Protein backbone atom coordinates (compact mmCIF):
# COMPACT_ATOMS: atom_id res chain seq x y z
CA MET A 1 -42.15 -79.31 113.42
CA HIS A 2 -43.91 -76.78 110.27
CA ARG A 3 -41.92 -73.75 109.03
CA THR A 4 -44.45 -71.11 107.75
CA GLN A 5 -44.94 -67.43 106.84
CA ASP A 6 -45.07 -64.49 109.83
CA ALA A 7 -47.99 -62.76 108.72
CA ASP A 8 -50.28 -61.85 111.35
CA VAL A 9 -48.51 -59.74 114.42
CA THR A 10 -47.62 -60.83 118.13
CA THR A 11 -46.05 -60.86 120.90
CA TRP A 12 -42.35 -61.85 120.30
CA ARG A 13 -40.54 -62.28 123.81
CA LYS A 14 -36.86 -62.68 123.23
CA SER A 15 -35.51 -66.17 124.47
CA SER A 16 -34.43 -65.54 128.43
CA TYR A 17 -30.72 -67.34 127.88
CA SER A 18 -30.21 -63.60 125.22
CA ASN A 19 -27.45 -61.85 126.55
CA GLY A 20 -28.29 -58.67 125.05
CA ASP A 21 -25.24 -58.19 123.00
CA GLN A 22 -27.95 -58.40 119.63
CA GLY A 23 -25.50 -61.90 119.31
CA ASN A 24 -28.35 -64.88 118.08
CA CYS A 25 -30.84 -65.06 119.74
CA VAL A 26 -34.32 -66.65 119.22
CA GLU A 27 -38.02 -65.08 119.44
CA VAL A 28 -41.38 -66.85 120.53
CA ARG A 29 -44.86 -66.19 121.28
CA ASP A 30 -46.50 -68.08 123.52
CA ASP A 31 -50.72 -67.23 122.34
CA ARG A 32 -51.15 -70.61 120.03
CA PRO A 33 -52.00 -73.09 122.13
CA GLY A 34 -50.69 -76.71 122.00
CA ILE A 35 -48.17 -74.95 119.73
CA VAL A 36 -44.73 -72.48 120.41
CA PRO A 37 -43.75 -70.54 117.04
CA VAL A 38 -40.16 -69.40 116.86
CA ARG A 39 -38.42 -67.16 115.28
CA ASP A 40 -34.39 -65.67 114.65
CA SER A 41 -34.52 -62.21 116.26
CA LYS A 42 -32.47 -60.99 113.81
CA GLU A 43 -33.87 -62.76 110.20
CA PRO A 44 -38.01 -62.16 111.40
CA SER A 45 -38.77 -62.03 107.86
CA VAL A 46 -37.51 -65.57 107.33
CA GLY A 47 -40.13 -67.77 108.40
CA GLN A 48 -40.61 -68.86 111.81
CA LEU A 49 -40.84 -72.94 113.09
CA LEU A 50 -44.72 -73.89 114.62
CA ILE A 51 -42.90 -76.92 117.18
CA GLY A 52 -45.68 -79.00 119.63
CA VAL A 53 -45.43 -77.64 122.70
CA THR A 54 -44.32 -81.22 124.13
CA SER A 55 -41.31 -80.92 121.87
CA TRP A 56 -40.77 -78.33 122.84
CA THR A 57 -40.28 -78.61 126.90
CA ALA A 58 -37.92 -81.67 125.70
CA LEU A 59 -36.24 -79.14 123.70
CA THR A 60 -35.55 -76.82 126.47
CA ASP A 61 -35.57 -79.79 129.10
CA ALA A 62 -32.12 -81.12 127.34
CA LEU A 63 -30.92 -77.47 127.32
CA GLN A 64 -30.77 -76.93 130.57
CA GLY A 65 -29.19 -80.53 132.37
């Protein structure tokens, strides 16, 4: 996992688990092969975490299980 500042303009999508009340949400991007950029929707300027696809899949599978 690597943390970086979000310097480029890209399309982020909010987690499908967000409930729409502006609560704690994460946003992800799908434009980096092999990496899933993740950021806090309330604090996007703080930066992003870059998570490998294998780790991201394991995390989302565990959360769904």
